[in-house]
Amino acid sequence: MMTPYPDPVPGPQALFNLPHSRTRVKVEMTLGILKARFQCPRGLRVSPERACDSTAACVVLHNIAPMRGERSPLLLMKMAKRNLK
């Protein structure tokens, strides 16, 4: 896993940190979407290989869900919030 430079000097290190942090945000948002739809990514305590397989399966199922007419978990959460008001 690549980590950002803790105290980057101006130049290549600083130029590396910005795209790194943007990519990390996208990855974390994607994992949040998968956790909202499926139970298995929550508290996953398995080997890295097994975690990769489980995540890939969730991504495939997540991409199939709209084809079957299932709603996005984010849409369902928004609808639930509106009903609570």
PDB file of N, CA and C in Angstrom:
ATOM      1  N   MET A   1       0.841  -1.155   0.000  1.00  0.00           N
ATOM      2  CA  MET A   1       0.000   0.000   0.000  1.00  0.00           C
ATOM      3  C   MET A   1       0.901   1.238   0.000  1.00  0.00           C
ATOM      4  N   MET A   2       0.513   2.202  -0.806  1.00  0.00           N
ATOM      5  CA  MET A   2       1.281   3.437  -0.866  1.00  0.00           C
ATOM      6  C   MET A   2       0.683   4.436   0.116  1.00  0.00           C
ATOM      7  N   THR A   3       1.545   5.147   0.814  1.00  0.00           N
ATOM      8  CA  THR A   3       1.081   6.148   1.772  1.00  0.00           C
ATOM      9  C   THR A   3       1.598   7.513   1.345  1.00  0.00           C
ATOM     10  N   PRO A   4       0.903   8.570   1.748  1.00  0.00           N
ATOM     11  CA  PRO A   4       1.372   9.904   1.390  1.00  0.00           C
ATOM     12  C   PRO A   4       2.619  10.280   2.182  1.00  0.00           C
ATOM     13  N   TYR A   5       3.340  11.249   1.673  1.00  0.00           N
ATOM     14  CA  TYR A   5       4.495  11.758   2.404  1.00  0.00           C
ATOM     15  C   TYR A   5       3.982  12.558   3.593  1.00  0.00           C
ATOM     16  N   PRO A   6       4.508  12.295   4.816  1.00  0.00           N
ATOM     17  CA  PRO A   6       4.000  12.987   5.995  1.00  0.00           C
ATOM     18  C   PRO A   6       4.290  14.497   5.979  1.00  0.00           C
ATOM     19  N   ASP A   7       5.484  14.887   5.604  1.00  0.00           N
ATOM     20  CA  ASP A   7       5.866  16.304   5.501  1.00  0.00           C
ATOM     21  C   ASP A   7       6.484  16.525   4.135  1.00  0.00           C
ATOM     22  N   PRO A   8       5.647  16.626   3.096  1.00  0.00           N
ATOM     23  CA  PRO A   8       6.201  16.704   1.745  1.00  0.00           C
ATOM     24  C   PRO A   8       6.939  18.015   1.487  1.00  0.00           C
ATOM     25  N   VAL A   9       8.043  17.892   0.782  1.00  0.00           N
ATOM     26  CA  VAL A   9       8.760  19.092   0.346  1.00  0.00           C
ATOM     27  C   VAL A   9       8.120  19.540  -0.967  1.00  0.00           C
ATOM     28  N   PRO A  10       8.134  20.832  -1.247  1.00  0.00           N
ATOM     29  CA  PRO A  10       7.556  21.290  -2.516  1.00  0.00           C
ATOM     30  C   PRO A  10       8.210  20.576  -3.693  1.00  0.00           C
ATOM     31  N   GLY A  11       7.413  20.209  -4.637  1.00  0.00           N
ATOM     32  CA  GLY A  11       7.920  19.490  -5.805  1.00  0.00           C
ATOM     33  C   GLY A  11       7.239  18.153  -5.946  1.00  0.00           C
ATOM     34  N   PRO A  12       8.020  17.118  -6.289  1.00  0.00           N
ATOM     35  CA  PRO A  12       7.418  15.804  -6.573  1.00  0.00           C
ATOM     36  C   PRO A  12       6.625  15.211  -5.411  1.00  0.00           C
ATOM     37  N   GLN A  13       7.095  15.385  -4.184  1.00  0.00           N
ATOM     38  CA  GLN A  13       6.368  14.806  -3.048  1.00  0.00           C
ATOM     39  C   GLN A  13       5.007  15.462  -2.869  1.00  0.00           C
ATOM     40  N   ALA A  14       4.964  16.780  -2.952  1.00  0.00           N
ATOM     41  CA  ALA A  14       3.690  17.488  -2.825  1.00  0.00           C
ATOM     42  C   ALA A  14       2.773  17.154  -3.996  1.00  0.00           C
ATOM     43  N   LEU A  15       3.331  17.015  -5.181  1.00  0.00           N
ATOM     44  CA  LEU A  15       2.537  16.656  -6.355  1.00  0.00           C
ATOM     45  C   LEU A  15       1.994  15.235  -6.256  1.00  0.00           C
ATOM     46  N   PHE A  16       2.669  14.380  -5.521  1.00  0.00           N
ATOM     47  CA  PHE A  16       2.188  13.016  -5.307  1.00  0.00           C
ATOM     48  C   PHE A  16       1.035  13.001  -4.307  1.00  0.00           C
ATOM     49  N   ASN A  17       1.141  13.785  -3.242  1.00  0.00           N
ATOM     50  CA  ASN A  17       0.154  13.731  -2.163  1.00  0.00           C
ATOM     51  C   ASN A  17      -1.246  14.143  -2.596  1.00  0.00           C
ATOM     52  N   LEU A  18      -1.385  15.137  -3.453  1.00  0.00           N
ATOM     53  CA  LEU A  18      -2.712  15.606  -3.848  1.00  0.00           C
ATOM     54  C   LEU A  18      -3.508  14.533  -4.589  1.00  0.00           C
ATOM     55  N   PRO A  19      -2.991  13.942  -5.670  1.00  0.00           N
ATOM     56  CA  PRO A  19      -3.770  12.880  -6.328  1.00  0.00           C
ATOM     57  C   PRO A  19      -3.978  11.663  -5.420  1.00  0.00           C
ATOM     58  N   HIS A  20      -2.994  11.415  -4.558  1.00  0.00           N
ATOM     59  CA  HIS A  20      -3.129  10.286  -3.625  1.00  0.00           C
ATOM     60  C   HIS A  20      -4.334  10.497  -2.719  1.00  0.00           C
ATOM     61  N   SER A  21      -4.475  11.698  -2.162  1.00  0.00           N
ATOM     62  CA  SER A  21      -5.595  11.951  -1.247  1.00  0.00           C
ATOM     63  C   SER A  21      -6.921  11.945  -1.997  1.00  0.00           C
ATOM     64  N   ARG A  22      -6.964  12.451  -3.217  1.00  0.00           N
ATOM     65  CA  ARG A  22      -8.198  12.422  -4.003  1.00  0.00           C
ATOM     66  C   ARG A  22      -8.619  10.989  -4.315  1.00  0.00           C
ATOM     67  N   THR A  23      -7.656  10.154  -4.656  1.00  0.00           N
ATOM     68  CA  THR A  23      -7.959   8.757  -4.951  1.00  0.00           C
ATOM     69  C   THR A  23      -8.454   8.047  -3.704  1.00  0.00           C
ATOM     70  N   ARG A  24      -7.813   8.333  -2.573  1.00  0.00           N
ATOM     71  CA  ARG A  24      -8.220   7.698  -1.317  1.00  0.00           C
ATOM     72  C   ARG A  24      -9.661   8.045  -0.964  1.00  0.00           C
ATOM     73  N   VAL A  25     -10.053   9.287  -1.172  1.00  0.00           N
ATOM     74  CA  VAL A  25     -11.433   9.707  -0.891  1.00  0.00           C
ATOM     75  C   VAL A  25     -12.401   8.912  -1.758  1.00  0.00           C
ATOM     76  N   LYS A  26     -12.089   8.755  -3.033  1.00  0.00           N
ATOM     77  CA  LYS A  26     -12.980   8.002  -3.931  1.00  0.00           C
ATOM     78  C   LYS A  26     -13.091   6.545  -3.512  1.00  0.00           C
ATOM     79  N   VAL A  27     -11.959   5.955  -3.120  1.00  0.00           N
ATOM     80  CA  VAL A  27     -11.970   4.556  -2.683  1.00  0.00           C
ATOM     81  C   VAL A  27     -12.813   4.411  -1.418  1.00  0.00           C
ATOM     82  N   GLU A  28     -12.650   5.316  -0.468  1.00  0.00           N
ATOM     83  CA  GLU A  28     -13.418   5.230   0.777  1.00  0.00           C
ATOM     84  C   GLU A  28     -14.912   5.437   0.530  1.00  0.00           C
ATOM     85  N   MET A  29     -15.261   6.327  -0.400  1.00  0.00           N
ATOM     86  CA  MET A  29     -16.673   6.526  -0.731  1.00  0.00           C
ATOM     87  C   MET A  29     -17.257   5.270  -1.373  1.00  0.00           C
ATOM     88  N   THR A  30     -16.476   4.646  -2.250  1.00  0.00           N
ATOM     89  CA  THR A  30     -16.933   3.417  -2.905  1.00  0.00           C
ATOM     90  C   THR A  30     -17.155   2.316  -1.880  1.00  0.00           C
ATOM     91  N   LEU A  31     -16.226   2.164  -0.946  1.00  0.00           N
ATOM     92  CA  LEU A  31     -16.390   1.141   0.096  1.00  0.00           C
ATOM     93  C   LEU A  31     -17.607   1.452   0.971  1.00  0.00           C
ATOM     94  N   GLY A  32     -17.875   2.730   1.215  1.00  0.00           N
ATOM     95  CA  GLY A  32     -19.062   3.104   1.975  1.00  0.00           C
ATOM     96  C   GLY A  32     -20.347   2.702   1.270  1.00  0.00           C
ATOM     97  N   ILE A  33     -20.373   2.856  -0.048  1.00  0.00           N
ATOM     98  CA  ILE A  33     -21.549   2.451  -0.829  1.00  0.00           C
ATOM     99  C   ILE A  33     -21.736   0.938  -0.739  1.00  0.00           C
ATOM    100  N   LEU A  34     -20.633   0.189  -0.851  1.00  0.00           N
ATOM    101  CA  LEU A  34     -20.734  -1.273  -0.761  1.00  0.00           C
ATOM    102  C   LEU A  34     -21.189  -1.698   0.639  1.00  0.00           C
ATOM    103  N   LYS A  35     -20.696  -1.017   1.674  1.00  0.00           N
ATOM    104  CA  LYS A  35     -21.103  -1.348   3.041  1.00  0.00           C
ATOM    105  C   LYS A  35     -22.572  -1.024   3.279  1.00  0.00           C
ATOM    106  N   ALA A  36     -23.080  -0.005   2.578  1.00  0.00           N
ATOM    107  CA  ALA A  36     -24.495   0.333   2.723  1.00  0.00           C
ATOM    108  C   ALA A  36     -25.389  -0.711   2.074  1.00  0.00           C
ATOM    109  N   ARG A  37     -24.910  -1.338   1.027  1.00  0.00           N
ATOM    110  CA  ARG A  37     -25.731  -2.327   0.300  1.00  0.00           C
ATOM    111  C   ARG A  37     -25.568  -3.738   0.870  1.00  0.00           C
ATOM    112  N   PHE A  38     -24.367  -4.092   1.295  1.00  0.00           N
ATOM    113  CA  PHE A  38     -24.081  -5.470   1.725  1.00  0.00           C
ATOM    114  C   PHE A  38     -23.559  -5.501   3.153  1.00  0.00           C
ATOM    115  N   GLN A  39     -23.821  -6.593   3.841  1.00  0.00           N
ATOM    116  CA  GLN A  39     -23.339  -6.776   5.212  1.00  0.00           C
ATOM    117  C   GLN A  39     -21.889  -7.251   5.269  1.00  0.00           C
ATOM    118  N   CYS A  40     -21.467  -8.031   4.280  1.00  0.00           N
ATOM    119  CA  CYS A  40     -20.166  -8.699   4.379  1.00  0.00           C
ATOM    120  C   CYS A  40     -18.961  -7.760   4.476  1.00  0.00           C
ATOM    121  N   PRO A  41     -18.934  -6.556   3.867  1.00  0.00           N
ATOM    122  CA  PRO A  41     -17.742  -5.723   4.033  1.00  0.00           C
ATOM    123  C   PRO A  41     -17.599  -5.094   5.416  1.00  0.00           C
ATOM    124  N   ARG A  42     -18.632  -5.142   6.218  1.00  0.00           N
ATOM    125  CA  ARG A  42     -18.553  -4.546   7.557  1.00  0.00           C
ATOM    126  C   ARG A  42     -17.797  -5.465   8.488  1.00  0.00           C
ATOM    127  N   GLY A  43     -16.733  -4.969   9.077  1.00  0.00           N
ATOM    128  CA  GLY A  43     -15.963  -5.760  10.023  1.00  0.00           C
ATOM    129  C   GLY A  43     -15.318  -6.983   9.407  1.00  0.00           C
ATOM    130  N   LEU A  44     -14.876  -6.864   8.182  1.00  0.00           N
ATOM    131  CA  LEU A  44     -14.287  -7.983   7.454  1.00  0.00           C
ATOM    132  C   LEU A  44     -12.960  -8.374   8.091  1.00  0.00           C
ATOM    133  N   ARG A  45     -12.849  -9.564   8.603  1.00  0.00           N
ATOM    134  CA  ARG A  45     -11.627 -10.047   9.263  1.00  0.00           C
ATOM    135  C   ARG A  45     -11.198 -11.355   8.611  1.00  0.00           C
ATOM    136  N   VAL A  46     -10.615 -11.226   7.421  1.00  0.00           N
ATOM    137  CA  VAL A  46     -10.148 -12.399   6.678  1.00  0.00           C
ATOM    138  C   VAL A  46      -8.802 -12.059   6.049  1.00  0.00           C
ATOM    139  N   SER A  47      -8.227 -13.025   5.375  1.00  0.00           N
ATOM    140  CA  SER A  47      -6.950 -12.787   4.709  1.00  0.00           C
ATOM    141  C   SER A  47      -7.128 -11.759   3.593  1.00  0.00           C
ATOM    142  N   PRO A  48      -6.070 -11.081   3.193  1.00  0.00           N
ATOM    143  CA  PRO A  48      -6.181 -10.102   2.104  1.00  0.00           C
ATOM    144  C   PRO A  48      -6.732 -10.707   0.808  1.00  0.00           C
ATOM    145  N   GLU A  49      -6.345 -11.929   0.506  1.00  0.00           N
ATOM    146  CA  GLU A  49      -6.834 -12.577  -0.710  1.00  0.00           C
ATOM    147  C   GLU A  49      -8.347 -12.796  -0.631  1.00  0.00           C
ATOM    148  N   ARG A  50      -8.804 -13.254   0.509  1.00  0.00           N
ATOM    149  CA  ARG A  50     -10.234 -13.499   0.716  1.00  0.00           C
ATOM    150  C   ARG A  50     -11.015 -12.180   0.712  1.00  0.00           C
ATOM    151  N   ALA A  51     -10.453 -11.143   1.315  1.00  0.00           N
ATOM    152  CA  ALA A  51     -11.099  -9.833   1.323  1.00  0.00           C
ATOM    153  C   ALA A  51     -11.224  -9.292  -0.096  1.00  0.00           C
ATOM    154  N   CYS A  52     -10.201  -9.497  -0.909  1.00  0.00           N
ATOM    155  CA  CYS A  52     -10.234  -9.051  -2.302  1.00  0.00           C
ATOM    156  C   CYS A  52     -11.343  -9.781  -3.069  1.00  0.00           C
ATOM    157  N   ASP A  53     -11.445 -11.088  -2.873  1.00  0.00           N
ATOM    158  CA  ASP A  53     -12.496 -11.868  -3.539  1.00  0.00           C
ATOM    159  C   ASP A  53     -13.886 -11.406  -3.095  1.00  0.00           C
ATOM    160  N   SER A  54     -14.046 -11.174  -1.805  1.00  0.00           N
ATOM    161  CA  SER A  54     -15.341 -10.746  -1.272  1.00  0.00           C
ATOM    162  C   SER A  54     -15.720  -9.366  -1.811  1.00  0.00           C
ATOM    163  N   THR A  55     -14.752  -8.462  -1.854  1.00  0.00           N
ATOM    164  CA  THR A  55     -15.007  -7.120  -2.369  1.00  0.00           C
ATOM    165  C   THR A  55     -15.356  -7.164  -3.847  1.00  0.00           C
ATOM    166  N   ALA A  56     -14.634  -7.975  -4.610  1.00  0.00           N
ATOM    167  CA  ALA A  56     -14.921  -8.102  -6.045  1.00  0.00           C
ATOM    168  C   ALA A  56     -16.334  -8.653  -6.263  1.00  0.00           C
ATOM    169  N   ALA A  57     -16.736  -9.624  -5.457  1.00  0.00           N
ATOM    170  CA  ALA A  57     -18.089 -10.179  -5.579  1.00  0.00           C
ATOM    171  C   ALA A  57     -19.142  -9.112  -5.269  1.00  0.00           C
ATOM    172  N   CYS A  58     -18.900  -8.293  -4.249  1.00  0.00           N
ATOM    173  CA  CYS A  58     -19.837  -7.220  -3.913  1.00  0.00           C
ATOM    174  C   CYS A  58     -19.941  -6.203  -5.046  1.00  0.00           C
ATOM    175  N   VAL A  59     -18.809  -5.878  -5.666  1.00  0.00           N
ATOM    176  CA  VAL A  59     -18.811  -4.918  -6.777  1.00  0.00           C
ATOM    177  C   VAL A  59     -19.618  -5.472  -7.950  1.00  0.00           C
ATOM    178  N   VAL A  60     -19.418  -6.743  -8.265  1.00  0.00           N
ATOM    179  CA  VAL A  60     -20.169  -7.358  -9.368  1.00  0.00           C
ATOM    180  C   VAL A  60     -21.662  -7.331  -9.062  1.00  0.00           C
ATOM    181  N   LEU A  61     -22.039  -7.740  -7.870  1.00  0.00           N
ATOM    182  CA  LEU A  61     -23.457  -7.746  -7.499  1.00  0.00           C
ATOM    183  C   LEU A  61     -24.030  -6.330  -7.463  1.00  0.00           C
ATOM    184  N   HIS A  62     -23.228  -5.377  -7.007  1.00  0.00           N
ATOM    185  CA  HIS A  62     -23.676  -3.982  -6.982  1.00  0.00           C
ATOM    186  C   HIS A  62     -23.951  -3.475  -8.402  1.00  0.00           C
ATOM    187  N   ASN A  63     -23.119  -3.887  -9.358  1.00  0.00           N
ATOM    188  CA  ASN A  63     -23.314  -3.462 -10.748  1.00  0.00           C
ATOM    189  C   ASN A  63     -24.486  -4.175 -11.421  1.00  0.00           C
ATOM    190  N   ILE A  64     -24.830  -5.358 -10.943  1.00  0.00           N
ATOM    191  CA  ILE A  64     -25.968  -6.101 -11.492  1.00  0.00           C
ATOM    192  C   ILE A  64     -27.286  -5.549 -10.928  1.00  0.00           C
ATOM    193  N   ALA A  65     -27.267  -5.047  -9.716  1.00  0.00           N
ATOM    194  CA  ALA A  65     -28.486  -4.608  -9.037  1.00  0.00           C
ATOM    195  C   ALA A  65     -29.317  -3.611  -9.860  1.00  0.00           C
ATOM    196  N   PRO A  66     -28.729  -2.578 -10.464  1.00  0.00           N
ATOM    197  CA  PRO A  66     -29.570  -1.650 -11.256  1.00  0.00           C
ATOM    198  C   PRO A  66     -30.222  -2.320 -12.464  1.00  0.00           C
ATOM    199  N   MET A  67     -29.569  -3.320 -13.024  1.00  0.00           N
ATOM    200  CA  MET A  67     -30.142  -4.040 -14.159  1.00  0.00           C
ATOM    201  C   MET A  67     -31.413  -4.788 -13.745  1.00  0.00           C
ATOM    202  N   ARG A  68     -31.476  -5.144 -12.477  1.00  0.00           N
ATOM    203  CA  ARG A  68     -32.643  -5.862 -11.954  1.00  0.00           C
ATOM    204  C   ARG A  68     -33.676  -4.910 -11.362  1.00  0.00           C
ATOM    205  N   GLY A  69     -33.402  -3.617 -11.452  1.00  0.00           N
ATOM    206  CA  GLY A  69     -34.349  -2.626 -10.955  1.00  0.00           C
ATOM    207  C   GLY A  69     -34.260  -2.351  -9.469  1.00  0.00           C
ATOM    208  N   GLU A  70     -33.195  -2.773  -8.822  1.00  0.00           N
ATOM    209  CA  GLU A  70     -33.049  -2.512  -7.391  1.00  0.00           C
ATOM    210  C   GLU A  70     -32.555  -1.091  -7.171  1.00  0.00           C
ATOM    211  N   ARG A  71     -33.026  -0.481  -6.112  1.00  0.00           N
ATOM    212  CA  ARG A  71     -32.644   0.891  -5.807  1.00  0.00           C
ATOM    213  C   ARG A  71     -31.283   0.943  -5.120  1.00  0.00           C
ATOM    214  N   SER A  72     -30.634   2.056  -5.302  1.00  0.00           N
ATOM    215  CA  SER A  72     -29.341   2.302  -4.662  1.00  0.00           C
ATOM    216  C   SER A  72     -29.541   2.448  -3.161  1.00  0.00           C
ATOM    217  N   PRO A  73     -28.610   1.957  -2.347  1.00  0.00           N
ATOM    218  CA  PRO A  73     -28.756   2.116  -0.894  1.00  0.00           C
ATOM    219  C   PRO A  73     -28.735   3.587  -0.494  1.00  0.00           C
ATOM    220  N   LEU A  74     -28.022   4.425  -1.239  1.00  0.00           N
ATOM    221  CA  LEU A  74     -28.000   5.843  -0.914  1.00  0.00           C
ATOM    222  C   LEU A  74     -29.366   6.472  -1.155  1.00  0.00           C
ATOM    223  N   LEU A  75     -30.046   6.070  -2.202  1.00  0.00           N
ATOM    224  CA  LEU A  75     -31.382   6.565  -2.489  1.00  0.00           C
ATOM    225  C   LEU A  75     -32.356   6.118  -1.402  1.00  0.00           C
ATOM    226  N   LEU A  76     -32.224   4.880  -0.970  1.00  0.00           N
ATOM    227  CA  LEU A  76     -33.100   4.369   0.091  1.00  0.00           C
ATOM    228  C   LEU A  76     -32.866   5.116   1.403  1.00  0.00           C
ATOM    229  N   MET A  77     -31.602   5.450   1.685  1.00  0.00           N
ATOM    230  CA  MET A  77     -31.295   6.193   2.908  1.00  0.00           C
ATOM    231  C   MET A  77     -31.904   7.595   2.853  1.00  0.00           C
ATOM    232  N   LYS A  78     -31.836   8.243   1.684  1.00  0.00           N
ATOM    233  CA  LYS A  78     -32.434   9.570   1.539  1.00  0.00           C
ATOM    234  C   LYS A  78     -33.946   9.504   1.725  1.00  0.00           C
ATOM    235  N   MET A  79     -34.563   8.470   1.157  1.00  0.00           N
ATOM    236  CA  MET A  79     -36.005   8.318   1.286  1.00  0.00           C
ATOM    237  C   MET A  79     -36.391   8.094   2.746  1.00  0.00           C
ATOM    238  N   ALA A  80     -35.599   7.313   3.463  1.00  0.00           N
ATOM    239  CA  ALA A  80     -35.888   7.047   4.878  1.00  0.00           C
ATOM    240  C   ALA A  80     -35.767   8.322   5.709  1.00  0.00           C
ATOM    241  N   LYS A  81     -34.783   9.158   5.404  1.00  0.00           N
ATOM    242  CA  LYS A  81     -34.622  10.412   6.133  1.00  0.00           C
ATOM    243  C   LYS A  81     -35.816  11.321   5.913  1.00  0.00           C
ATOM    244  N   ARG A  82     -36.333  11.357   4.686  1.00  0.00           N
ATOM    245  CA  ARG A  82     -37.500  12.198   4.390  1.00  0.00           C
ATOM    246  C   ARG A  82     -38.718  11.712   5.176  1.00  0.00           C
ATOM    247  N   ASN A  83     -38.859  10.398   5.330  1.00  0.00           N
ATOM    248  CA  ASN A  83     -40.013   9.843   6.040  1.00  0.00           C
ATOM    249  C   ASN A  83     -39.952  10.116   7.537  1.00  0.00           C
ATOM    250  N   LEU A  84     -38.733  10.317   8.066  1.00  0.00           N
ATOM    251  CA  LEU A  84     -38.587  10.592   9.497  1.00  0.00           C
ATOM    252  C   LEU A  84     -38.962  12.020   9.846  1.00  0.00           C
ATOM    253  N   LYS A  85     -38.941  12.908   8.881  1.00  0.00           N
ATOM    254  CA  LYS A  85     -39.235  14.325   9.162  1.00  0.00           C
ATOM    255  C   LYS A  85     -40.699  14.566   9.353  1.00  0.00           C
TER     256      LYS A  85
END
